[in-house]
Amino acid sequence: MRTPGAAPDRLAAPPLPEFIERELPFTRYAVAVGGLRLHVMEAGRGPTVVLLHGNPTWGFVWRKVVRELGHDRLRIVLPDLVGLGLSDKPRDPAFHTLENHAKLIGRLLDLVAPEPFLLGVHDWGGPIGLAAMAERAGRLAGLVVTNTGVGPPREGARPTAFHRFANLPLVSDAAFRLLGFPQNALRFAQADPASIRGDVARAYRWPLRRLRDRVAPLALARMVPVRADHPSVPALRRSLAFATAFDGPAAVVWAEADPVLGRALRGVATALPRAVITRVRAGHYLQEEAPGAIADAVRDVARRAGML
């Protein structure tokens, strides 16, 4: 583990157990943003690619994609969202709003990626990243989207079973906080459940191993709108407007066996009509099952953006 010494805003990263450390041969550090410490990993040198994860994962989810991109002249930056991974974990569920996350990620990007960069997103990383970029439109060189939403649910859309469950009182609190759901059940969202098992499954659970640190998974699940006046809707509309207006190179890599967001491709394709779409047979955490397809999309967008 190396902590860059040239930038005074970079702090030492929290330690990791050896079984995770050996999977992450990256530079790791923390950045102070808004009174919180956000964990960041980096690999490579060159034009910057930022990859944002979602709920309930962390930068670990992108490691296979980074490995696939290992011979390209790119700097890959992997931040952990607040409340997840090795970033600070506020104890108040009310902290977790789309506006708060977008502000923090935006300020982090100003520090670690001040130049134009390519953004790759997954799950909540999509709305959070796009809402942050709406205030920084001139810095987005290219966009790669994997299973996520880019705007509010269409009128009349029914929440998924996962999000309906997350909004059940008491039972969802017990499942998410006491039983460690959904990070202990990621394999059930996969086309091949064996893609998340053993040390890989342990690595996803490890940052949320303590009960007191399990606030974010349920809070982020409840950030998904289940009614028209949900507080996430204004920021989701801003994300959609930004995505729709973006005219740079874009690609979509979509896992069709995703039980959570598999059916959301139509909305993403409508928002990004010029994006190159690649469909893969994979589950929600497609980085585990189809990292090569994602890496290919990053290379293609980087070339079209003049980064390679």
C-alpha atoms as a PDB file:
ATOM      1  CA  MET A   1       0.000   0.000   0.000  1.00  0.00           C
ATOM      2  CA  ARG A   2       1.340   3.422  -0.934  1.00  0.00           C
ATOM      3  CA  THR A   3       0.126   6.803   0.204  1.00  0.00           C
ATOM      4  CA  PRO A   4       1.036   9.523  -2.304  1.00  0.00           C
ATOM      5  CA  GLY A   5       3.096  12.181  -0.570  1.00  0.00           C
ATOM      6  CA  ALA A   6       2.815  15.021  -3.065  1.00  0.00           C
ATOM      7  CA  ALA A   7      -0.795  15.937  -2.276  1.00  0.00           C
ATOM      8  CA  PRO A   8      -1.439  17.136   1.299  1.00  0.00           C
ATOM      9  CA  ASP A   9      -5.171  16.340   1.042  1.00  0.00           C
ATOM     10  CA  ARG A  10      -4.397  12.609   0.657  1.00  0.00           C
ATOM     11  CA  LEU A  11      -4.511  10.647   3.907  1.00  0.00           C
ATOM     12  CA  ALA A  12      -3.506   7.097   4.772  1.00  0.00           C
ATOM     13  CA  ALA A  13      -6.073   4.487   3.786  1.00  0.00           C
ATOM     14  CA  PRO A  14      -7.522   2.092   6.372  1.00  0.00           C
ATOM     15  CA  PRO A  15      -5.833  -1.321   6.445  1.00  0.00           C
ATOM     16  CA  LEU A  16      -7.254  -4.386   4.727  1.00  0.00           C
ATOM     17  CA  PRO A  17      -6.953  -8.077   5.546  1.00  0.00           C
ATOM     18  CA  GLU A  18      -4.463  -9.940   3.392  1.00  0.00           C
ATOM     19  CA  PHE A  19      -7.089 -11.935   1.481  1.00  0.00           C
ATOM     20  CA  ILE A  20      -8.518  -8.660   0.140  1.00  0.00           C
ATOM     21  CA  GLU A  21      -5.219  -6.797  -0.180  1.00  0.00           C
ATOM     22  CA  ARG A  22      -3.818  -9.357  -2.615  1.00  0.00           C
ATOM     23  CA  GLU A  23      -6.769  -8.735  -4.950  1.00  0.00           C
ATOM     24  CA  LEU A  24      -6.175  -4.977  -4.969  1.00  0.00           C
ATOM     25  CA  PRO A  25      -2.625  -4.163  -6.127  1.00  0.00           C
ATOM     26  CA  PHE A  26      -3.548  -0.493  -6.276  1.00  0.00           C
ATOM     27  CA  THR A  27      -2.516   2.763  -4.677  1.00  0.00           C
ATOM     28  CA  ARG A  28      -4.956   3.422  -1.839  1.00  0.00           C
ATOM     29  CA  TYR A  29      -5.578   6.622   0.103  1.00  0.00           C
ATOM     30  CA  ALA A  30      -8.327   8.649   1.772  1.00  0.00           C
ATOM     31  CA  VAL A  31      -9.488  12.162   0.943  1.00  0.00           C
ATOM     32  CA  ALA A  32     -11.173  14.523   3.415  1.00  0.00           C
ATOM     33  CA  VAL A  33     -14.371  15.933   1.917  1.00  0.00           C
ATOM     34  CA  GLY A  34     -17.036  17.795   3.863  1.00  0.00           C
ATOM     35  CA  GLY A  35     -15.747  16.511   7.189  1.00  0.00           C
ATOM     36  CA  LEU A  36     -15.773  12.884   6.002  1.00  0.00           C
ATOM     37  CA  ARG A  37     -12.987  10.594   4.781  1.00  0.00           C
ATOM     38  CA  LEU A  38     -13.607   8.970   1.399  1.00  0.00           C
ATOM     39  CA  HIS A  39     -11.530   5.953   0.416  1.00  0.00           C
ATOM     40  CA  VAL A  40     -10.030   5.964  -3.087  1.00  0.00           C
ATOM     41  CA  MET A  41      -8.014   3.409  -5.064  1.00  0.00           C
ATOM     42  CA  GLU A  42      -5.945   4.137  -8.184  1.00  0.00           C
ATOM     43  CA  ALA A  43      -4.183   2.114 -10.861  1.00  0.00           C
ATOM     44  CA  GLY A  44      -2.189   3.108 -13.934  1.00  0.00           C
ATOM     45  CA  ARG A  45      -1.129   6.395 -15.470  1.00  0.00           C
ATOM     46  CA  GLY A  46      -2.553   8.506 -18.236  1.00  0.00           C
ATOM     47  CA  PRO A  47      -5.930  10.137 -18.922  1.00  0.00           C
ATOM     48  CA  THR A  48      -8.327   9.555 -16.032  1.00  0.00           C
ATOM     49  CA  VAL A  49     -11.183   7.058 -15.866  1.00  0.00           C
ATOM     50  CA  VAL A  50     -13.392   7.230 -12.755  1.00  0.00           C
ATOM     51  CA  LEU A  51     -15.496   4.142 -11.964  1.00  0.00           C
ATOM     52  CA  LEU A  52     -18.331   4.600  -9.446  1.00  0.00           C
ATOM     53  CA  HIS A  53     -19.902   1.602  -7.703  1.00  0.00           C
ATOM     54  CA  GLY A  54     -23.363   1.316  -6.167  1.00  0.00           C
ATOM     55  CA  ASN A  55     -25.195  -0.330  -3.282  1.00  0.00           C
ATOM     56  CA  PRO A  56     -23.956  -2.259  -1.236  1.00  0.00           C
ATOM     57  CA  THR A  57     -20.566  -2.738  -2.903  1.00  0.00           C
ATOM     58  CA  TRP A  58     -17.307  -0.763  -2.999  1.00  0.00           C
ATOM     59  CA  GLY A  59     -14.366  -0.170  -5.345  1.00  0.00           C
ATOM     60  CA  PHE A  60     -13.500  -3.873  -5.072  1.00  0.00           C
ATOM     61  CA  VAL A  61     -16.308  -4.571  -7.566  1.00  0.00           C
ATOM     62  CA  TRP A  62     -14.249  -3.018 -10.399  1.00  0.00           C
ATOM     63  CA  ARG A  63     -11.004  -4.933  -9.816  1.00  0.00           C
ATOM     64  CA  LYS A  64     -11.483  -7.358 -12.747  1.00  0.00           C
ATOM     65  CA  VAL A  65     -12.273  -4.469 -15.093  1.00  0.00           C
ATOM     66  CA  VAL A  66      -9.088  -2.699 -13.970  1.00  0.00           C
ATOM     67  CA  ARG A  67      -7.168  -5.923 -14.584  1.00  0.00           C
ATOM     68  CA  GLU A  68      -8.564  -6.097 -18.133  1.00  0.00           C
ATOM     69  CA  LEU A  69      -7.457  -2.501 -18.710  1.00  0.00           C
ATOM     70  CA  GLY A  70      -4.003  -3.121 -17.245  1.00  0.00           C
ATOM     71  CA  HIS A  71      -2.091  -2.657 -20.490  1.00  0.00           C
ATOM     72  CA  ASP A  72      -3.858   0.544 -21.511  1.00  0.00           C
ATOM     73  CA  ARG A  73      -2.392   3.967 -20.835  1.00  0.00           C
ATOM     74  CA  LEU A  74      -5.130   5.067 -18.451  1.00  0.00           C
ATOM     75  CA  ARG A  75      -5.330   6.191 -14.838  1.00  0.00           C
ATOM     76  CA  ILE A  76      -8.230   4.359 -13.162  1.00  0.00           C
ATOM     77  CA  VAL A  77      -9.757   5.956 -10.047  1.00  0.00           C
ATOM     78  CA  LEU A  78     -12.109   3.963  -7.802  1.00  0.00           C
ATOM     79  CA  PRO A  79     -13.831   5.970  -5.033  1.00  0.00           C
ATOM     80  CA  ASP A  80     -15.951   4.371  -2.310  1.00  0.00           C
ATOM     81  CA  LEU A  81     -19.300   6.053  -1.682  1.00  0.00           C
ATOM     82  CA  VAL A  82     -19.832   7.437   1.816  1.00  0.00           C
ATOM     83  CA  GLY A  83     -21.331   4.732   4.024  1.00  0.00           C
ATOM     84  CA  LEU A  84     -19.835   1.904   1.975  1.00  0.00           C
ATOM     85  CA  GLY A  85     -16.441   0.304   1.440  1.00  0.00           C
ATOM     86  CA  LEU A  86     -13.691   1.945   3.475  1.00  0.00           C
ATOM     87  CA  SER A  87     -15.194   5.438   3.394  1.00  0.00           C
ATOM     88  CA  ASP A  88     -16.643   6.956   6.571  1.00  0.00           C
ATOM     89  CA  LYS A  89     -20.039   5.619   7.609  1.00  0.00           C
ATOM     90  CA  PRO A  90     -22.443   8.195   9.077  1.00  0.00           C
ATOM     91  CA  ARG A  91     -24.800   6.633  11.625  1.00  0.00           C
ATOM     92  CA  ASP A  92     -27.841   8.779  10.761  1.00  0.00           C
ATOM     93  CA  PRO A  93     -29.921   7.255   7.918  1.00  0.00           C
ATOM     94  CA  ALA A  94     -31.189  10.751   7.075  1.00  0.00           C
ATOM     95  CA  PHE A  95     -27.695  11.650   5.856  1.00  0.00           C
ATOM     96  CA  HIS A  96     -28.180   9.406   2.842  1.00  0.00           C
ATOM     97  CA  THR A  97     -29.873  11.545   0.233  1.00  0.00           C
ATOM     98  CA  LEU A  98     -29.054  11.702  -3.447  1.00  0.00           C
ATOM     99  CA  GLU A  99     -28.240  15.397  -3.067  1.00  0.00           C
ATOM    100  CA  ASN A 100     -25.733  14.725  -0.264  1.00  0.00           C
ATOM    101  CA  HIS A 101     -24.006  11.910  -2.138  1.00  0.00           C
ATOM    102  CA  ALA A 102     -23.802  13.927  -5.357  1.00  0.00           C
ATOM    103  CA  LYS A 103     -22.281  16.910  -3.542  1.00  0.00           C
ATOM    104  CA  LEU A 104     -19.647  14.767  -1.839  1.00  0.00           C
ATOM    105  CA  ILE A 105     -18.695  12.863  -4.983  1.00  0.00           C
ATOM    106  CA  GLY A 106     -18.577  16.108  -6.934  1.00  0.00           C
ATOM    107  CA  ARG A 107     -16.168  17.643  -4.434  1.00  0.00           C
ATOM    108  CA  LEU A 108     -14.088  14.468  -4.437  1.00  0.00           C
ATOM    109  CA  LEU A 109     -13.879  14.572  -8.239  1.00  0.00           C
ATOM    110  CA  ASP A 110     -12.702  18.176  -8.068  1.00  0.00           C
ATOM    111  CA  LEU A 111      -9.763  16.951  -5.966  1.00  0.00           C
ATOM    112  CA  VAL A 112      -8.798  13.669  -7.635  1.00  0.00           C
ATOM    113  CA  ALA A 113      -9.886  14.298 -11.240  1.00  0.00           C
ATOM    114  CA  PRO A 114      -9.814  18.045 -11.962  1.00  0.00           C
ATOM    115  CA  GLU A 115      -9.109  17.434 -15.660  1.00  0.00           C
ATOM    116  CA  PRO A 116     -11.626  16.043 -18.201  1.00  0.00           C
ATOM    117  CA  PHE A 117     -12.209  12.350 -17.519  1.00  0.00           C
ATOM    118  CA  LEU A 118     -14.220   9.324 -18.555  1.00  0.00           C
ATOM    119  CA  LEU A 119     -16.903   8.253 -16.080  1.00  0.00           C
ATOM    120  CA  GLY A 120     -18.110   4.671 -15.661  1.00  0.00           C
ATOM    121  CA  VAL A 121     -21.103   4.009 -13.417  1.00  0.00           C
ATOM    122  CA  HIS A 122     -23.087   1.158 -11.902  1.00  0.00           C
ATOM    123  CA  ASP A 123     -26.209   1.001  -9.716  1.00  0.00           C
ATOM    124  CA  TRP A 124     -26.431   4.123  -7.482  1.00  0.00           C
ATOM    125  CA  GLY A 125     -23.135   5.286  -8.947  1.00  0.00           C
ATOM    126  CA  GLY A 126     -25.159   6.299 -12.018  1.00  0.00           C
ATOM    127  CA  PRO A 127     -27.540   8.883 -10.526  1.00  0.00           C
ATOM    128  CA  ILE A 128     -24.923  10.057  -8.016  1.00  0.00           C
ATOM    129  CA  GLY A 129     -22.226  10.498 -10.655  1.00  0.00           C
ATOM    130  CA  LEU A 130     -24.517  12.122 -13.192  1.00  0.00           C
ATOM    131  CA  ALA A 131     -25.992  14.526 -10.636  1.00  0.00           C
ATOM    132  CA  ALA A 132     -22.455  15.507  -9.640  1.00  0.00           C
ATOM    133  CA  MET A 133     -21.428  16.003 -13.279  1.00  0.00           C
ATOM    134  CA  ALA A 134     -24.451  18.205 -13.969  1.00  0.00           C
ATOM    135  CA  GLU A 135     -22.479  20.906 -12.110  1.00  0.00           C
ATOM    136  CA  ARG A 136     -19.286  20.024 -14.011  1.00  0.00           C
ATOM    137  CA  ALA A 137     -20.530  19.283 -17.517  1.00  0.00           C
ATOM    138  CA  GLY A 138     -17.412  20.501 -19.284  1.00  0.00           C
ATOM    139  CA  ARG A 139     -15.240  17.904 -17.552  1.00  0.00           C
ATOM    140  CA  LEU A 140     -17.001  14.774 -18.824  1.00  0.00           C
ATOM    141  CA  ALA A 141     -14.989  13.363 -21.739  1.00  0.00           C
ATOM    142  CA  GLY A 142     -16.926  10.114 -22.088  1.00  0.00           C
ATOM    143  CA  LEU A 143     -19.500   7.945 -20.348  1.00  0.00           C
ATOM    144  CA  VAL A 144     -19.838   4.189 -19.789  1.00  0.00           C
ATOM    145  CA  VAL A 145     -23.075   3.041 -18.158  1.00  0.00           C
ATOM    146  CA  THR A 146     -23.686  -0.375 -16.617  1.00  0.00           C
ATOM    147  CA  ASN A 147     -26.901  -1.520 -14.951  1.00  0.00           C
ATOM    148  CA  THR A 148     -28.245   1.612 -13.320  1.00  0.00           C
ATOM    149  CA  GLY A 149     -31.002   4.179 -13.694  1.00  0.00           C
ATOM    150  CA  VAL A 150     -30.337   7.628 -15.092  1.00  0.00           C
ATOM    151  CA  GLY A 151     -33.561   9.349 -14.079  1.00  0.00           C
ATOM    152  CA  PRO A 152     -36.773   9.023 -12.057  1.00  0.00           C
ATOM    153  CA  PRO A 153     -39.010   5.998 -12.653  1.00  0.00           C
ATOM    154  CA  ARG A 154     -41.434   6.473 -15.505  1.00  0.00           C
ATOM    155  CA  GLU A 155     -45.007   7.327 -14.552  1.00  0.00           C
ATOM    156  CA  GLY A 156     -46.902   4.281 -13.365  1.00  0.00           C
ATOM    157  CA  ALA A 157     -43.770   2.136 -12.933  1.00  0.00           C
ATOM    158  CA  ARG A 158     -43.971  -0.340 -10.069  1.00  0.00           C
ATOM    159  CA  PRO A 159     -41.002  -0.586  -7.704  1.00  0.00           C
ATOM    160  CA  THR A 160     -38.995  -3.797  -7.891  1.00  0.00           C
ATOM    161  CA  ALA A 161     -39.514  -6.516  -5.292  1.00  0.00           C
ATOM    162  CA  PHE A 162     -36.181  -5.544  -3.726  1.00  0.00           C
ATOM    163  CA  HIS A 163     -37.207  -1.916  -3.295  1.00  0.00           C
ATOM    164  CA  ARG A 164     -40.700  -2.806  -2.084  1.00  0.00           C
ATOM    165  CA  PHE A 165     -39.087  -4.999   0.569  1.00  0.00           C
ATOM    166  CA  ALA A 166     -36.665  -2.214   1.555  1.00  0.00           C
ATOM    167  CA  ASN A 167     -39.615   0.031   2.380  1.00  0.00           C
ATOM    168  CA  LEU A 168     -41.357  -2.451   4.672  1.00  0.00           C
ATOM    169  CA  PRO A 169     -41.093  -1.211   8.270  1.00  0.00           C
ATOM    170  CA  LEU A 170     -39.310  -3.336  10.870  1.00  0.00           C
ATOM    171  CA  VAL A 171     -38.747  -6.426   8.748  1.00  0.00           C
ATOM    172  CA  SER A 172     -36.445  -4.580   6.335  1.00  0.00           C
ATOM    173  CA  ASP A 173     -34.592  -2.952   9.235  1.00  0.00           C
ATOM    174  CA  ALA A 174     -33.985  -6.381  10.740  1.00  0.00           C
ATOM    175  CA  ALA A 175     -32.844  -7.891   7.434  1.00  0.00           C
ATOM    176  CA  PHE A 176     -30.532  -5.049   6.429  1.00  0.00           C
ATOM    177  CA  ARG A 177     -29.111  -4.100   9.826  1.00  0.00           C
ATOM    178  CA  LEU A 178     -29.080  -7.372  11.758  1.00  0.00           C
ATOM    179  CA  LEU A 179     -28.759  -9.999   9.036  1.00  0.00           C
ATOM    180  CA  GLY A 180     -26.418  -8.087   6.700  1.00  0.00           C
ATOM    181  CA  PHE A 181     -28.735  -8.058   3.692  1.00  0.00           C
ATOM    182  CA  PRO A 182     -28.101  -7.665   0.771  1.00  0.00           C
ATOM    183  CA  GLN A 183     -24.292  -7.885   0.964  1.00  0.00           C
ATOM    184  CA  ASN A 184     -24.525 -11.455   2.259  1.00  0.00           C
ATOM    185  CA  ALA A 185     -26.767 -12.485  -0.653  1.00  0.00           C
ATOM    186  CA  LEU A 186     -25.152 -10.899  -3.728  1.00  0.00           C
ATOM    187  CA  ARG A 187     -24.806 -14.284  -5.447  1.00  0.00           C
ATOM    188  CA  PHE A 188     -28.593 -14.486  -5.840  1.00  0.00           C
ATOM    189  CA  ALA A 189     -28.493 -11.433  -8.143  1.00  0.00           C
ATOM    190  CA  GLN A 190     -26.061 -13.160 -10.510  1.00  0.00           C
ATOM    191  CA  ALA A 191     -26.589 -15.228 -13.649  1.00  0.00           C
ATOM    192  CA  ASP A 192     -23.925 -17.538 -12.213  1.00  0.00           C
ATOM    193  CA  PRO A 193     -24.178 -17.588  -8.414  1.00  0.00           C
ATOM    194  CA  ALA A 194     -20.662 -19.054  -8.239  1.00  0.00           C
ATOM    195  CA  SER A 195     -19.287 -15.736  -9.520  1.00  0.00           C
ATOM    196  CA  ILE A 196     -19.590 -14.373  -5.957  1.00  0.00           C
ATOM    197  CA  ARG A 197     -18.442 -16.957  -3.435  1.00  0.00           C
ATOM    198  CA  GLY A 198     -15.574 -17.735  -1.067  1.00  0.00           C
ATOM    199  CA  ASP A 199     -13.107 -14.896  -0.532  1.00  0.00           C
ATOM    200  CA  VAL A 200     -14.878 -12.735  -3.115  1.00  0.00           C
ATOM    201  CA  ALA A 201     -18.129 -12.910  -1.133  1.00  0.00           C
ATOM    202  CA  ARG A 202     -16.164 -12.278   2.072  1.00  0.00           C
ATOM    203  CA  ALA A 203     -14.543  -9.199   0.516  1.00  0.00           C
ATOM    204  CA  TYR A 204     -17.931  -7.680  -0.246  1.00  0.00           C
ATOM    205  CA  ARG A 205     -19.145  -8.336   3.313  1.00  0.00           C
ATOM    206  CA  TRP A 206     -15.986  -7.226   5.098  1.00  0.00           C
ATOM    207  CA  PRO A 207     -16.479  -3.395   5.082  1.00  0.00           C
ATOM    208  CA  LEU A 208     -19.968  -3.889   6.577  1.00  0.00           C
ATOM    209  CA  ARG A 209     -19.062  -6.600   9.080  1.00  0.00           C
ATOM    210  CA  ARG A 210     -20.033  -4.461  12.100  1.00  0.00           C
ATOM    211  CA  LEU A 211     -23.698  -3.796  12.910  1.00  0.00           C
ATOM    212  CA  ARG A 212     -23.036  -0.095  13.509  1.00  0.00           C
ATOM    213  CA  ASP A 213     -21.673   0.291   9.962  1.00  0.00           C
ATOM    214  CA  ARG A 214     -24.735  -1.135   8.178  1.00  0.00           C
ATOM    215  CA  VAL A 215     -26.749   2.075   7.831  1.00  0.00           C
ATOM    216  CA  ALA A 216     -26.083   2.798   4.147  1.00  0.00           C
ATOM    217  CA  PRO A 217     -27.430  -0.337   2.390  1.00  0.00           C
ATOM    218  CA  LEU A 218     -30.983   0.188   3.629  1.00  0.00           C
ATOM    219  CA  ALA A 219     -30.789   3.985   3.399  1.00  0.00           C
ATOM    220  CA  LEU A 220     -29.619   3.811  -0.238  1.00  0.00           C
ATOM    221  CA  ALA A 221     -32.292   1.241  -1.082  1.00  0.00           C
ATOM    222  CA  ARG A 222     -34.859   3.680   0.311  1.00  0.00           C
ATOM    223  CA  MET A 223     -33.386   6.476  -1.813  1.00  0.00           C
ATOM    224  CA  VAL A 224     -35.113   4.835  -4.810  1.00  0.00           C
ATOM    225  CA  PRO A 225     -38.402   6.696  -5.414  1.00  0.00           C
ATOM    226  CA  VAL A 226     -41.547   4.781  -4.553  1.00  0.00           C
ATOM    227  CA  ARG A 227     -43.820   7.812  -4.899  1.00  0.00           C
ATOM    228  CA  ALA A 228     -43.944  10.928  -7.082  1.00  0.00           C
ATOM    229  CA  ASP A 229     -42.949  13.313  -4.265  1.00  0.00           C
ATOM    230  CA  HIS A 230     -39.951  11.251  -3.136  1.00  0.00           C
ATOM    231  CA  PRO A 231     -36.985  13.504  -2.173  1.00  0.00           C
ATOM    232  CA  SER A 232     -34.698  11.826  -4.731  1.00  0.00           C
ATOM    233  CA  VAL A 233     -36.848  12.910  -7.683  1.00  0.00           C
ATOM    234  CA  PRO A 234     -35.435  16.441  -8.249  1.00  0.00           C
ATOM    235  CA  ALA A 235     -31.825  15.185  -8.380  1.00  0.00           C
ATOM    236  CA  LEU A 236     -32.863  12.257 -10.582  1.00  0.00           C
ATOM    237  CA  ARG A 237     -34.467  14.703 -13.001  1.00  0.00           C
ATOM    238  CA  ARG A 238     -31.209  16.686 -13.028  1.00  0.00           C
ATOM    239  CA  SER A 239     -29.282  13.475 -13.726  1.00  0.00           C
ATOM    240  CA  LEU A 240     -31.592  12.609 -16.597  1.00  0.00           C
ATOM    241  CA  ALA A 241     -31.356  16.101 -18.093  1.00  0.00           C
ATOM    242  CA  PHE A 242     -27.562  15.939 -17.974  1.00  0.00           C
ATOM    243  CA  ALA A 243     -27.431  12.469 -19.533  1.00  0.00           C
ATOM    244  CA  THR A 244     -29.839  13.449 -22.281  1.00  0.00           C
ATOM    245  CA  ALA A 245     -27.851  16.588 -23.104  1.00  0.00           C
ATOM    246  CA  PHE A 246     -24.485  14.819 -23.141  1.00  0.00           C
ATOM    247  CA  ASP A 247     -23.262  14.590 -26.742  1.00  0.00           C
ATOM    248  CA  GLY A 248     -19.857  13.031 -26.146  1.00  0.00           C
ATOM    249  CA  PRO A 249     -18.907   9.388 -26.713  1.00  0.00           C
ATOM    250  CA  ALA A 250     -20.944   6.960 -24.620  1.00  0.00           C
ATOM    251  CA  ALA A 251     -21.457   3.228 -24.242  1.00  0.00           C
ATOM    252  CA  VAL A 252     -23.862   1.007 -22.336  1.00  0.00           C
ATOM    253  CA  VAL A 253     -22.967  -2.493 -21.135  1.00  0.00           C
ATOM    254  CA  TRP A 254     -26.123  -4.181 -19.892  1.00  0.00           C
ATOM    255  CA  ALA A 255     -26.595  -7.382 -17.913  1.00  0.00           C
ATOM    256  CA  GLU A 256     -29.847  -8.909 -19.114  1.00  0.00           C
ATOM    257  CA  ALA A 257     -30.083 -11.461 -16.280  1.00  0.00           C
ATOM    258  CA  ASP A 258     -30.139  -8.727 -13.627  1.00  0.00           C
ATOM    259  CA  PRO A 259     -33.196  -9.327 -11.385  1.00  0.00           C
ATOM    260  CA  VAL A 260     -33.029  -5.788  -9.984  1.00  0.00           C
ATOM    261  CA  LEU A 261     -32.439  -3.476 -12.960  1.00  0.00           C
ATOM    262  CA  GLY A 262     -32.479  -5.766 -15.982  1.00  0.00           C
ATOM    263  CA  ARG A 263     -35.613  -4.129 -17.365  1.00  0.00           C
ATOM    264  CA  ALA A 264     -34.267  -0.572 -17.012  1.00  0.00           C
ATOM    265  CA  LEU A 265     -32.294  -0.638 -20.278  1.00  0.00           C
ATOM    266  CA  ARG A 266     -35.106   1.000 -22.214  1.00  0.00           C
ATOM    267  CA  GLY A 267     -34.930   4.173 -20.122  1.00  0.00           C
ATOM    268  CA  VAL A 268     -31.135   4.318 -20.330  1.00  0.00           C
ATOM    269  CA  ALA A 269     -31.143   3.782 -24.096  1.00  0.00           C
ATOM    270  CA  THR A 270     -33.738   6.533 -24.520  1.00  0.00           C
ATOM    271  CA  ALA A 271     -31.643   8.967 -22.476  1.00  0.00           C
ATOM    272  CA  LEU A 272     -28.458   8.056 -24.394  1.00  0.00           C
ATOM    273  CA  PRO A 273     -29.647   7.417 -27.966  1.00  0.00           C
ATOM    274  CA  ARG A 274     -26.133   7.685 -29.441  1.00  0.00           C
ATOM    275  CA  ALA A 275     -24.550   5.217 -27.016  1.00  0.00           C
ATOM    276  CA  VAL A 276     -23.157   1.916 -28.263  1.00  0.00           C
ATOM    277  CA  ILE A 277     -25.100  -0.821 -26.432  1.00  0.00           C
ATOM    278  CA  THR A 278     -23.611  -4.206 -25.540  1.00  0.00           C
ATOM    279  CA  ARG A 279     -25.864  -6.826 -23.954  1.00  0.00           C
ATOM    280  CA  VAL A 280     -24.270  -9.542 -21.826  1.00  0.00           C
ATOM    281  CA  ARG A 281     -25.571 -12.649 -20.105  1.00  0.00           C
ATOM    282  CA  ALA A 282     -24.795 -11.628 -16.527  1.00  0.00           C
ATOM    283  CA  GLY A 283     -26.438 -10.621 -13.285  1.00  0.00           C
ATOM    284  CA  HIS A 284     -26.584  -7.320 -11.452  1.00  0.00           C
ATOM    285  CA  TYR A 285     -22.894  -7.324 -10.501  1.00  0.00           C
ATOM    286  CA  LEU A 286     -21.804  -7.780 -14.095  1.00  0.00           C
ATOM    287  CA  GLN A 287     -18.264  -6.641 -13.256  1.00  0.00           C
ATOM    288  CA  GLU A 288     -17.772 -10.155 -11.835  1.00  0.00           C
ATOM    289  CA  GLU A 289     -19.207 -11.978 -14.865  1.00  0.00           C
ATOM    290  CA  ALA A 290     -18.428  -9.754 -17.853  1.00  0.00           C
ATOM    291  CA  PRO A 291     -15.422  -7.556 -17.008  1.00  0.00           C
ATOM    292  CA  GLY A 292     -14.010  -7.859 -20.526  1.00  0.00           C
ATOM    293  CA  ALA A 293     -17.123  -6.342 -22.098  1.00  0.00           C
ATOM    294  CA  ILE A 294     -16.928  -3.380 -19.716  1.00  0.00           C
ATOM    295  CA  ALA A 295     -13.218  -2.909 -20.379  1.00  0.00           C
ATOM    296  CA  ASP A 296     -13.862  -3.015 -24.129  1.00  0.00           C
ATOM    297  CA  ALA A 297     -16.492  -0.298 -23.740  1.00  0.00           C
ATOM    298  CA  VAL A 298     -14.114   1.867 -21.692  1.00  0.00           C
ATOM    299  CA  ARG A 299     -11.408   1.496 -24.375  1.00  0.00           C
ATOM    300  CA  ASP A 300     -13.855   2.312 -27.159  1.00  0.00           C
ATOM    301  CA  VAL A 301     -15.168   5.426 -25.422  1.00  0.00           C
ATOM    302  CA  ALA A 302     -11.634   6.494 -24.465  1.00  0.00           C
ATOM    303  CA  ARG A 303     -10.522   6.193 -28.099  1.00  0.00           C
ATOM    304  CA  ARG A 304     -13.506   8.150 -29.376  1.00  0.00           C
ATOM    305  CA  ALA A 305     -12.792  10.799 -26.731  1.00  0.00           C
ATOM    306  CA  GLY A 306      -9.179  11.075 -27.889  1.00  0.00           C
ATOM    307  CA  MET A 307      -7.820   9.682 -24.615  1.00  0.00           C
ATOM    308  CA  LEU A 308      -6.058   6.686 -26.255  1.00  0.00           C
END
